[in-house]
Amino acid sequence: MPLHKGPEQPDERPLSVNPFFGEANPVGGMTEAPPKHRLPDAPMSPSTAYQLVHDELMLDGNSRLNLATFVTTWMEPQAGVLMAECRDKNMIDKDEYPRTAELEKRCVAMLAALWNAPDPAAAVGCSTTGSSEACMLAGLALKRRWTQRNADRYPSRDARPNLVMGVNVQVCWEKFCNFWEVEARQVPMEGDRYHLDPQAAAELCDENTIGVVGILGSTFDGSYEPIAELCAALDALQERTGLDIPVHVDGASGGMVAPFLDEDLVWDFRLPRVTSINTSGHKYGLVYPGVGWALWRDKEALPEELVFRVNYLGGDMPTFALNFSRPGAQVVAQYYTFLRLGRDGFRAVQQTTRDVARGLADRVAALGDFRLLTQGDELPVFAFTTGPDVTAYDVFDVSRRLRESGWLVPAYTFPPNREDLSVLRVVCRNGFSVDLADMFVEDLTRLLPELRRQSHPLTRDRTAATGFHH
């Protein structure tokens, strides 16, 4: 989560209270408004407190028009009712809330089957607050298994664990390496390759490599990394050197797309080298934030010593998570979504989303000013940049101007070795309809004549232009 610090010059003006808010404050009356940066001295009526907070939130962007986020922004009303009914249940307290725990267990079993675990009954897994936590857990399991195999020489100066990944990974993997003292070995981008190269990844591996991370759906452009080719390269490495390197698949988004739309794509537990997979239930799992899932192919892949058992909430509860107390609402909503849609329903929803993405990408390309990097035919996500003849404006100008119509479209530079490439990215989610896509194209088309008349790109502070980063 972002870090916040107190204001350098605190605004001591109180919040303004509209007399029409109705109920008088029982202590100080309606004339005494609360301060902004310290606790008020007296309570106020619920309706007044609600209106004050509600009015401030009106300045937030419209989540449905946020084409930067992968996170679900629409669910059915029935799902919202279920979540409201479960928001006071502590997910960790499986003795007090056994049915919620049972629904979590069923979700793990459903995902194990969906991801083709050799024996779904033998797979182990858990819910998390999102893919970031799930990745941390998977990374910890990789490191602990490596530590067990190298107990005779770790810790030592010549045995520092490393993790191999593409430079396009989500920031949670960089956090993992930083927090748990693992060297991050990243395969850079080269030319028109915007994600990990299997052979380059294998060449970075050595006896201290705890694993390789493959991304099923890159955050930068929505493309799938070639997981099967990565496993094949590591198979060849083992034949040459004896090194047996496991693979973790970060399927934050693609883990809930590929099983329904790309059934012939082999990326999951069908590959013996894949030991664990994560996904975000709150992305293409179609659930409000925050819920994620981490699964291991069997108990051997998850060291028992990482699982803690507690009894002070009643009963014997094994737990493997960074967070302890959290609401059960999102897990219940995930089970509702699995039950509600089934395989055919998920396939229909994800296919519709992909169709919208591909159609929108084609229409953006047809405008003539832009070049597509991806077309939305893997994740329902596409990235594009300005064409070589466009000099009057850049992607940051486009992002800034689209905000005037309410559209939040991130503009950013790619990582090494393609820092020269700046792109816009559109994430199509369930609820982003053809009608909304039409409106987006209309607004973008209307902006182009003005952008073309500029003498040069105008956005100096590119970070401030979008407020977006990886």
Protein backbone atom coordinates (compact mmCIF):
# COMPACT_ATOMS: atom_id res chain seq x y z
CA MET A 1 0.00 0.00 0.00
CA PRO A 2 1.18 3.59 -0.52
CA LEU A 3 2.95 5.36 2.29
CA HIS A 4 1.52 8.61 3.58
CA LYS A 5 3.06 11.36 5.63
CA GLY A 6 1.44 14.25 7.39
CA PRO A 7 0.95 17.53 5.54
CA GLU A 8 3.98 19.83 5.63
CA GLN A 9 1.65 22.75 6.26
CA PRO A 10 -1.50 21.34 7.86
CA ASP A 11 -4.70 22.89 6.61
CA GLU A 12 -6.30 24.00 9.87
CA ARG A 13 -9.49 25.10 8.20
CA PRO A 14 -12.37 22.87 9.24
CA LEU A 15 -14.46 21.00 6.75
CA SER A 16 -17.47 22.96 5.60
CA VAL A 17 -20.85 21.74 6.82
CA ASN A 18 -23.86 22.51 4.65
CA PRO A 19 -26.88 23.53 6.82
CA PHE A 20 -29.06 21.37 4.57
CA PHE A 21 -27.30 18.27 5.90
CA GLY A 22 -30.12 18.20 8.42
CA GLU A 23 -29.46 16.74 11.84
CA ALA A 24 -27.71 19.01 14.31
CA ASN A 25 -24.60 17.78 16.07
CA PRO A 26 -25.90 16.76 19.53
CA VAL A 27 -22.84 18.27 21.20
CA GLY A 28 -21.73 21.33 19.28
CA GLY A 29 -24.56 21.99 16.89
CA MET A 30 -24.24 22.39 13.13
CA THR A 31 -21.95 25.41 13.35
CA GLU A 32 -18.90 23.44 14.50
CA ALA A 33 -17.39 21.54 11.61
CA PRO A 34 -14.73 18.88 12.17
CA PRO A 35 -11.01 19.44 11.51
CA LYS A 36 -9.26 17.67 8.62
CA HIS A 37 -6.04 16.38 10.13
CA ARG A 38 -6.84 15.58 13.75
CA LEU A 39 -9.62 13.77 15.51
CA PRO A 40 -12.64 15.98 16.23
CA ASP A 41 -13.45 16.58 19.87
CA ALA A 42 -17.12 15.68 19.64
CA PRO A 43 -19.19 13.14 17.72
CA MET A 44 -21.61 14.05 14.94
CA SER A 45 -24.72 12.44 13.52
CA PRO A 46 -24.28 9.50 11.14
CA SER A 47 -25.99 11.33 8.28
CA THR A 48 -23.68 14.35 8.56
CA ALA A 49 -20.54 12.18 8.77
CA TYR A 50 -21.72 10.21 5.75
CA GLN A 51 -22.38 13.31 3.68
CA LEU A 52 -19.00 14.84 4.47
CA VAL A 53 -17.15 11.72 3.38
CA HIS A 54 -19.44 11.16 0.40
CA ASP A 55 -18.87 14.67 -0.91
CA GLU A 56 -15.07 14.35 -0.77
CA LEU A 57 -15.19 11.05 -2.66
CA MET A 58 -17.07 12.66 -5.53
CA LEU A 59 -13.69 13.92 -6.77
CA ASP A 60 -12.40 10.37 -7.29
CA GLY A 61 -12.30 9.03 -10.82
CA ASN A 62 -15.10 6.82 -12.13
CA SER A 63 -13.87 3.25 -11.65
CA ARG A 64 -15.79 1.99 -14.69
CA LEU A 65 -13.83 4.43 -16.88
CA ASN A 66 -10.50 3.42 -15.33
CA LEU A 67 -8.73 1.61 -18.16
CA ALA A 68 -5.51 1.38 -16.15
CA THR A 69 -6.68 -1.09 -13.54
CA PHE A 70 -7.02 -4.83 -13.94
CA VAL A 71 -9.24 -4.93 -10.85
CA THR A 72 -12.93 -5.82 -11.11
CA THR A 73 -15.19 -2.76 -11.04
CA TRP A 74 -18.60 -4.38 -11.53
CA MET A 75 -20.43 -7.29 -9.91
CA GLU A 76 -24.04 -8.34 -9.74
CA PRO A 77 -26.18 -6.90 -6.92
CA GLN A 78 -26.62 -10.37 -5.43
CA ALA A 79 -22.85 -10.66 -5.00
CA GLY A 80 -22.84 -7.29 -3.24
CA VAL A 81 -25.53 -8.51 -0.83
CA LEU A 82 -23.53 -11.65 -0.02
CA MET A 83 -20.39 -9.59 0.59
CA ALA A 84 -22.27 -7.25 2.91
CA GLU A 85 -23.55 -10.25 4.86
CA CYS A 86 -20.00 -11.59 5.31
CA ARG A 87 -17.92 -8.46 5.83
CA ASP A 88 -17.90 -8.94 9.62
CA LYS A 89 -16.57 -12.52 9.43
CA ASN A 90 -12.86 -12.96 10.07
CA MET A 91 -11.63 -15.30 7.35
CA ILE A 92 -8.93 -16.78 9.57
CA ASP A 93 -11.37 -17.94 12.25
CA LYS A 94 -12.26 -21.26 10.67
CA ASP A 95 -13.64 -22.69 13.90
CA GLU A 96 -16.19 -19.89 14.30
CA TYR A 97 -17.02 -19.65 10.59
CA PRO A 98 -16.72 -23.23 9.31
CA ARG A 99 -18.95 -22.74 6.27
CA THR A 100 -16.87 -19.81 5.03
CA ALA A 101 -13.79 -22.02 5.46
CA GLU A 102 -15.54 -24.76 3.49
CA LEU A 103 -16.24 -22.38 0.61
CA GLU A 104 -12.55 -21.39 0.55
CA LYS A 105 -11.62 -25.08 0.40
CA ARG A 106 -14.01 -25.65 -2.50
CA CYS A 107 -12.53 -22.72 -4.42
CA VAL A 108 -9.03 -24.19 -4.03
CA ALA A 109 -10.31 -27.55 -5.31
CA MET A 110 -12.00 -25.89 -8.29
CA LEU A 111 -8.82 -24.01 -9.20
CA ALA A 112 -6.69 -27.15 -8.85
CA ALA A 113 -8.94 -28.90 -11.38
CA LEU A 114 -9.08 -25.84 -13.63
CA TRP A 115 -5.28 -25.68 -13.71
CA ASN A 116 -4.95 -29.40 -14.42
CA ALA A 117 -3.25 -30.52 -11.20
CA PRO A 118 -2.21 -34.19 -11.62
CA ASP A 119 -4.23 -35.06 -8.54
CA PRO A 120 -6.54 -32.16 -7.58
CA ALA A 121 -7.15 -33.77 -4.21
CA ALA A 122 -3.41 -33.64 -3.48
CA ALA A 123 -2.98 -29.98 -4.45
CA VAL A 124 -2.77 -27.50 -1.59
CA GLY A 125 -3.65 -23.83 -1.62
CA CYS A 126 -5.12 -20.87 0.16
CA SER A 127 -6.83 -17.56 -0.40
CA THR A 128 -4.89 -14.32 0.01
CA THR A 129 -5.62 -10.61 -0.11
CA GLY A 130 -4.48 -10.55 -3.74
CA SER A 131 -1.79 -11.79 -6.09
CA SER A 132 0.91 -9.75 -4.39
CA GLU A 133 0.54 -11.76 -1.19
CA ALA A 134 0.14 -14.97 -3.20
CA CYS A 135 3.43 -14.26 -4.99
CA MET A 136 5.16 -13.61 -1.67
CA LEU A 137 3.97 -16.99 -0.37
CA ALA A 138 5.01 -18.81 -3.54
CA GLY A 139 8.42 -17.15 -3.42
CA LEU A 140 8.87 -18.11 0.22
CA ALA A 141 8.08 -21.73 -0.63
CA LEU A 142 10.65 -21.66 -3.44
CA LYS A 143 13.29 -20.18 -1.18
CA ARG A 144 12.62 -22.60 1.68
CA ARG A 145 12.80 -25.63 -0.62
CA TRP A 146 16.11 -24.32 -2.01
CA THR A 147 17.38 -23.75 1.54
CA GLN A 148 16.52 -27.31 2.50
CA ARG A 149 18.36 -28.68 -0.52
CA ASN A 150 21.41 -26.52 0.28
CA ALA A 151 21.45 -26.78 4.06
CA ASP A 152 25.12 -27.80 4.02
CA ARG A 153 26.25 -24.52 2.45
CA TYR A 154 23.59 -21.92 3.24
CA PRO A 155 23.91 -19.32 4.59
CA SER A 156 27.35 -18.58 3.25
CA ARG A 157 28.93 -15.91 1.10
CA ASP A 158 28.91 -18.11 -2.00
CA ALA A 159 25.33 -19.32 -1.56
CA ARG A 160 23.08 -16.32 -1.94
CA PRO A 161 19.71 -17.38 -3.38
CA ASN A 162 18.52 -15.79 -6.61
CA LEU A 163 15.22 -15.68 -8.51
CA VAL A 164 15.09 -15.40 -12.32
CA MET A 165 12.32 -13.40 -13.99
CA GLY A 166 11.63 -11.02 -16.82
CA VAL A 167 12.14 -7.32 -16.25
CA ASN A 168 8.40 -6.94 -16.96
CA VAL A 169 7.29 -8.59 -13.70
CA GLN A 170 4.86 -6.84 -11.40
CA VAL A 171 6.55 -4.89 -8.60
CA CYS A 172 5.54 -7.48 -5.97
CA TRP A 173 8.37 -9.73 -7.20
CA GLU A 174 10.91 -6.98 -6.70
CA LYS A 175 9.46 -6.49 -3.23
CA PHE A 176 9.79 -10.19 -2.51
CA CYS A 177 13.46 -10.20 -3.46
CA ASN A 178 14.10 -7.08 -1.38
CA PHE A 179 12.17 -8.22 1.71
CA TRP A 180 13.55 -11.78 1.81
CA GLU A 181 17.10 -11.08 0.63
CA VAL A 182 16.97 -12.86 -2.70
CA GLU A 183 18.96 -11.62 -5.68
CA ALA A 184 16.64 -10.60 -8.53
CA ARG A 185 18.03 -11.73 -11.88
CA GLN A 186 15.97 -10.08 -14.58
CA VAL A 187 15.92 -10.80 -18.29
CA PRO A 188 15.79 -7.42 -20.08
CA MET A 189 13.55 -6.57 -23.02
CA GLU A 190 15.16 -6.64 -26.43
CA GLY A 191 13.77 -5.17 -29.67
CA ASP A 192 10.18 -6.25 -30.16
CA ARG A 193 10.36 -8.86 -27.36
CA TYR A 194 8.62 -7.29 -24.40
CA HIS A 195 8.83 -10.18 -21.93
CA LEU A 196 11.04 -13.03 -20.78
CA ASP A 197 13.08 -15.06 -23.28
CA PRO A 198 13.21 -18.75 -22.18
CA GLN A 199 16.80 -19.36 -23.23
CA ALA A 200 18.04 -16.13 -21.67
CA ALA A 201 16.26 -17.08 -18.43
CA ALA A 202 17.90 -20.51 -18.39
CA GLU A 203 21.33 -18.93 -18.91
CA LEU A 204 20.85 -16.83 -15.74
CA CYS A 205 20.23 -19.91 -13.61
CA ASP A 206 22.85 -21.54 -11.41
CA GLU A 207 23.04 -23.68 -8.28
CA ASN A 208 21.69 -20.77 -6.21
CA THR A 209 18.54 -20.23 -8.28
CA ILE A 210 15.42 -20.92 -6.22
CA GLY A 211 13.14 -20.78 -9.25
CA VAL A 212 12.05 -18.98 -12.39
CA VAL A 213 8.89 -16.87 -12.58
CA GLY A 214 6.82 -16.94 -15.75
CA ILE A 215 4.09 -14.36 -16.26
CA LEU A 216 0.83 -15.43 -17.85
CA GLY A 217 -0.23 -11.97 -18.90
CA SER A 218 2.36 -9.21 -18.67
CA THR A 219 1.26 -6.05 -16.92
CA PHE A 220 3.05 -3.94 -19.52
CA ASP A 221 1.30 -5.15 -22.65
CA GLY A 222 -1.03 -8.06 -21.83
CA SER A 223 1.04 -10.73 -23.61
CA TYR A 224 1.52 -14.27 -22.33
CA GLU A 225 5.04 -15.43 -21.57
CA PRO A 226 5.91 -18.80 -23.19
CA ILE A 227 5.69 -21.03 -20.11
CA ALA A 228 6.02 -24.34 -21.97
CA GLU A 229 9.13 -23.09 -23.82
CA LEU A 230 10.54 -21.86 -20.51
CA CYS A 231 10.08 -25.31 -18.96
CA ALA A 232 11.67 -26.92 -22.02
CA ALA A 233 14.71 -24.65 -21.72
CA LEU A 234 15.03 -25.60 -18.04
CA ASP A 235 14.65 -29.29 -18.95
CA ALA A 236 17.59 -28.90 -21.33
CA LEU A 237 19.55 -27.10 -18.62
CA GLN A 238 18.97 -30.01 -16.24
CA GLU A 239 20.17 -32.48 -18.85
CA ARG A 240 23.39 -30.49 -19.30
CA THR A 241 24.13 -29.53 -15.71
CA GLY A 242 21.90 -31.51 -13.36
CA LEU A 243 20.26 -28.32 -12.06
CA ASP A 244 16.57 -28.90 -11.34
CA ILE A 245 14.96 -25.43 -11.33
CA PRO A 246 11.24 -25.14 -10.48
CA VAL A 247 8.86 -22.70 -12.19
CA HIS A 248 6.21 -20.54 -10.59
CA VAL A 249 3.53 -19.16 -12.89
CA ASP A 250 2.25 -15.72 -11.97
CA GLY A 251 -1.19 -16.00 -13.51
CA ALA A 252 -2.53 -12.89 -11.80
CA SER A 253 -4.75 -12.22 -14.80
CA GLY A 254 -4.16 -14.96 -17.37
CA GLY A 255 -4.80 -17.71 -14.85
CA MET A 256 -8.50 -16.86 -15.11
CA VAL A 257 -8.49 -16.24 -18.88
CA ALA A 258 -6.39 -18.94 -20.54
CA PRO A 259 -8.28 -21.95 -19.07
CA PHE A 260 -11.46 -20.76 -20.77
CA LEU A 261 -10.25 -19.16 -24.01
CA ASP A 262 -6.91 -20.86 -24.70
CA GLU A 263 -7.55 -24.46 -23.67
CA ASP A 264 -4.83 -25.83 -25.97
CA LEU A 265 -2.19 -23.56 -24.42
CA VAL A 266 -0.06 -25.65 -22.03
CA TRP A 267 1.10 -23.42 -19.20
CA ASP A 268 -0.19 -24.93 -15.94
CA PHE A 269 0.32 -28.06 -13.79
CA ARG A 270 0.38 -30.17 -16.96
CA LEU A 271 4.02 -29.08 -17.05
CA PRO A 272 5.84 -31.11 -14.35
CA ARG A 273 8.28 -28.26 -13.72
CA VAL A 274 5.45 -25.90 -12.65
CA THR A 275 5.27 -26.25 -8.88
CA SER A 276 2.95 -23.35 -8.02
CA ILE A 277 0.51 -20.90 -9.58
CA ASN A 278 -1.19 -17.75 -8.32
CA THR A 279 -4.07 -15.69 -9.60
CA SER A 280 -6.07 -12.63 -8.59
CA GLY A 281 -9.69 -13.40 -7.88
CA HIS A 282 -10.28 -9.67 -8.03
CA LYS A 283 -9.00 -9.33 -11.60
CA TYR A 284 -10.34 -11.70 -14.24
CA GLY A 285 -11.69 -13.85 -11.42
CA LEU A 286 -14.48 -11.23 -11.53
CA VAL A 287 -14.60 -10.39 -7.79
CA TYR A 288 -14.29 -7.01 -6.09
CA PRO A 289 -10.88 -6.48 -4.39
CA GLY A 290 -9.19 -7.98 -2.60
CA VAL A 291 -8.81 -11.72 -3.03
CA GLY A 292 -6.08 -13.83 -4.56
CA TRP A 293 -5.20 -17.50 -4.68
CA ALA A 294 -1.97 -19.47 -4.34
CA LEU A 295 -1.81 -23.17 -5.22
CA TRP A 296 0.96 -25.78 -5.10
CA ARG A 297 0.82 -28.99 -7.11
CA ASP A 298 1.28 -31.16 -3.98
CA LYS A 299 2.34 -31.04 -0.33
CA GLU A 300 6.00 -31.56 -1.25
CA ALA A 301 6.00 -28.23 -3.08
CA LEU A 302 4.92 -26.35 0.08
CA PRO A 303 7.30 -27.01 3.00
CA GLU A 304 5.35 -28.00 6.09
CA GLU A 305 7.50 -25.74 8.28
CA LEU A 306 5.94 -22.67 6.62
CA VAL A 307 2.47 -23.69 7.80
CA PHE A 308 1.55 -22.41 11.27
CA ARG A 309 -1.10 -23.92 13.51
CA VAL A 310 -2.94 -21.85 16.09
CA ASN A 311 -5.63 -22.77 18.58
CA TYR A 312 -6.37 -19.54 20.39
CA LEU A 313 -9.42 -18.84 18.24
CA GLY A 314 -10.73 -22.34 18.95
CA GLY A 315 -9.84 -25.53 17.11
CA ASP A 316 -6.64 -26.41 15.27
CA MET A 317 -6.18 -24.04 12.34
CA PRO A 318 -3.29 -24.45 9.90
CA THR A 319 -2.54 -21.13 8.23
CA PHE A 320 -0.08 -19.97 5.59
CA ALA A 321 -0.56 -16.28 4.90
CA LEU A 322 1.10 -12.94 5.58
CA ASN A 323 -2.18 -11.45 6.81
CA PHE A 324 -4.10 -12.90 9.74
CA SER A 325 -7.40 -11.09 10.18
CA ARG A 326 -9.30 -10.28 7.00
CA PRO A 327 -12.93 -10.39 5.90
CA GLY A 328 -14.44 -13.51 4.38
CA ALA A 329 -16.61 -11.50 2.01
CA GLN A 330 -14.33 -11.73 -1.03
CA VAL A 331 -13.85 -15.49 -0.68
CA VAL A 332 -17.62 -15.95 -0.48
CA ALA A 333 -17.99 -13.73 -3.55
CA GLN A 334 -15.44 -15.87 -5.41
CA TYR A 335 -17.40 -19.02 -4.65
CA TYR A 336 -20.60 -17.27 -5.72
CA THR A 337 -18.97 -16.32 -9.04
CA PHE A 338 -17.70 -19.86 -9.65
CA LEU A 339 -21.13 -21.24 -8.84
CA ARG A 340 -22.98 -18.57 -10.82
CA LEU A 341 -20.99 -18.81 -14.06
CA GLY A 342 -19.47 -22.25 -14.30
CA ARG A 343 -17.04 -22.98 -17.13
CA ASP A 344 -19.45 -21.96 -19.88
CA GLY A 345 -20.33 -18.69 -18.16
CA PHE A 346 -16.69 -17.78 -17.57
CA ARG A 347 -15.92 -18.62 -21.18
CA ALA A 348 -18.71 -16.35 -22.41
CA VAL A 349 -17.68 -13.44 -20.17
CA GLN A 350 -13.97 -13.66 -21.01
CA GLN A 351 -14.64 -14.12 -24.74
CA THR A 352 -16.85 -11.04 -24.79
CA THR A 353 -14.15 -9.05 -23.01
CA ARG A 354 -11.49 -10.25 -25.46
CA ASP A 355 -13.74 -9.41 -28.42
CA VAL A 356 -14.18 -5.87 -27.09
CA ALA A 357 -10.41 -5.50 -26.63
CA ARG A 358 -9.57 -6.76 -30.11
CA GLY A 359 -12.23 -4.63 -31.74
CA LEU A 360 -11.12 -1.53 -29.85
CA ALA A 361 -7.46 -2.16 -30.69
CA ASP A 362 -8.31 -2.38 -34.39
CA ARG A 363 -10.23 0.90 -34.23
CA VAL A 364 -7.38 2.68 -32.44
CA ALA A 365 -4.95 1.44 -35.11
CA ALA A 366 -7.32 2.61 -37.86
CA LEU A 367 -7.04 6.21 -36.60
CA GLY A 368 -3.62 6.31 -38.27
CA ASP A 369 -1.69 8.04 -35.48
CA PHE A 370 -0.90 4.97 -33.42
CA ARG A 371 1.04 1.71 -33.63
CA LEU A 372 -0.18 -1.36 -31.75
CA LEU A 373 2.28 -3.39 -29.68
CA THR A 374 -0.35 -5.98 -28.72
CA GLN A 375 -3.88 -6.55 -29.98
CA GLY A 376 -5.80 -7.87 -26.98
CA ASP A 377 -5.78 -11.44 -28.30
CA GLU A 378 -4.19 -12.93 -25.16
CA LEU A 379 -5.18 -10.93 -22.11
CA PRO A 380 -8.04 -8.55 -23.05
CA VAL A 381 -5.39 -5.83 -22.87
CA PHE A 382 -3.53 -3.94 -25.55
CA ALA A 383 -0.68 -1.44 -25.59
CA PHE A 384 -0.04 1.14 -28.27
CA THR A 385 2.28 4.04 -28.96
CA THR A 386 2.38 6.98 -31.35
CA GLY A 387 3.44 6.30 -34.91
CA PRO A 388 6.90 7.28 -36.22
CA ASP A 389 5.51 10.29 -38.08
CA VAL A 390 3.79 11.77 -34.99
CA THR A 391 5.95 14.55 -33.53
CA ALA A 392 3.44 17.13 -32.30
CA TYR A 393 2.38 15.10 -29.26
CA ASP A 394 3.28 11.97 -27.32
CA VAL A 395 1.47 9.30 -25.32
CA PHE A 396 1.63 11.42 -22.18
CA ASP A 397 -0.28 14.21 -23.91
CA VAL A 398 -2.91 11.69 -24.99
CA SER A 399 -3.29 10.33 -21.46
CA ARG A 400 -3.58 13.84 -20.01
CA ARG A 401 -6.21 14.93 -22.51
CA LEU A 402 -8.28 11.75 -22.13
CA ARG A 403 -8.61 12.51 -18.44
CA GLU A 404 -10.62 15.58 -19.39
CA SER A 405 -13.35 13.19 -20.56
CA GLY A 406 -13.03 10.97 -17.49
CA TRP A 407 -10.92 8.22 -19.09
CA LEU A 408 -7.98 6.98 -17.02
CA VAL A 409 -5.47 5.54 -19.50
CA PRO A 410 -1.92 5.04 -18.21
CA ALA A 411 1.09 6.26 -20.17
CA TYR A 412 4.49 4.94 -19.15
CA THR A 413 7.93 3.96 -20.37
CA PHE A 414 9.07 0.36 -20.73
CA PRO A 415 11.89 -1.06 -18.57
CA PRO A 416 15.47 -1.98 -19.66
CA ASN A 417 16.46 -2.26 -22.45
CA ARG A 418 13.47 -0.46 -23.95
CA GLU A 419 13.29 2.72 -21.88
CA ASP A 420 13.02 4.52 -25.21
CA LEU A 421 9.52 3.12 -25.72
CA SER A 422 6.55 5.00 -24.20
CA VAL A 423 3.10 3.49 -24.50
CA LEU A 424 -0.55 3.75 -23.56
CA ARG A 425 -2.32 0.66 -22.27
CA VAL A 426 -6.03 -0.18 -22.26
CA VAL A 427 -7.36 -2.90 -19.94
CA CYS A 428 -10.77 -4.23 -20.96
CA ARG A 429 -12.73 -5.81 -18.12
CA ASN A 430 -16.18 -7.29 -17.69
CA GLY A 431 -18.52 -4.29 -17.76
CA PHE A 432 -16.47 -2.38 -20.33
CA SER A 433 -19.02 -2.78 -23.08
CA VAL A 434 -19.01 -2.14 -26.82
CA ASP A 435 -20.98 1.03 -26.10
CA LEU A 436 -18.28 2.30 -23.74
CA ALA A 437 -15.63 1.36 -26.30
CA ASP A 438 -17.52 3.44 -28.87
CA MET A 439 -17.51 6.40 -26.50
CA PHE A 440 -13.78 5.97 -25.90
CA VAL A 441 -13.00 6.00 -29.63
CA GLU A 442 -15.23 9.04 -30.15
CA ASP A 443 -13.44 10.98 -27.40
CA LEU A 444 -10.00 9.95 -28.66
CA THR A 445 -10.92 10.87 -32.23
CA ARG A 446 -12.20 14.27 -31.12
CA LEU A 447 -8.88 15.02 -29.37
CA LEU A 448 -6.61 14.21 -32.31
CA PRO A 449 -7.07 17.41 -34.37
CA GLU A 450 -6.09 19.53 -31.36
CA LEU A 451 -3.13 17.30 -30.54
CA ARG A 452 -1.93 17.41 -34.14
CA ARG A 453 -1.88 21.21 -34.05
CA GLN A 454 0.58 21.31 -31.15
CA SER A 455 4.09 22.45 -31.98
CA HIS A 456 5.63 19.83 -29.70
CA PRO A 457 4.66 17.49 -26.82
CA LEU A 458 3.42 19.56 -23.88
CA THR A 459 3.49 17.24 -20.88
CA ARG A 460 6.70 18.07 -19.03
CA ASP A 461 6.06 16.15 -15.80
CA ARG A 462 5.37 12.72 -17.20
CA THR A 463 4.89 11.12 -13.79
CA ALA A 464 2.20 13.64 -12.92
CA ALA A 465 0.56 13.13 -16.28
CA THR A 466 -0.92 9.80 -15.27
CA GLY A 467 0.04 9.17 -11.67
CA PHE A 468 0.66 5.58 -12.80
CA HIS A 469 3.66 3.33 -12.38
CA HIS A 470 4.45 -0.36 -12.08
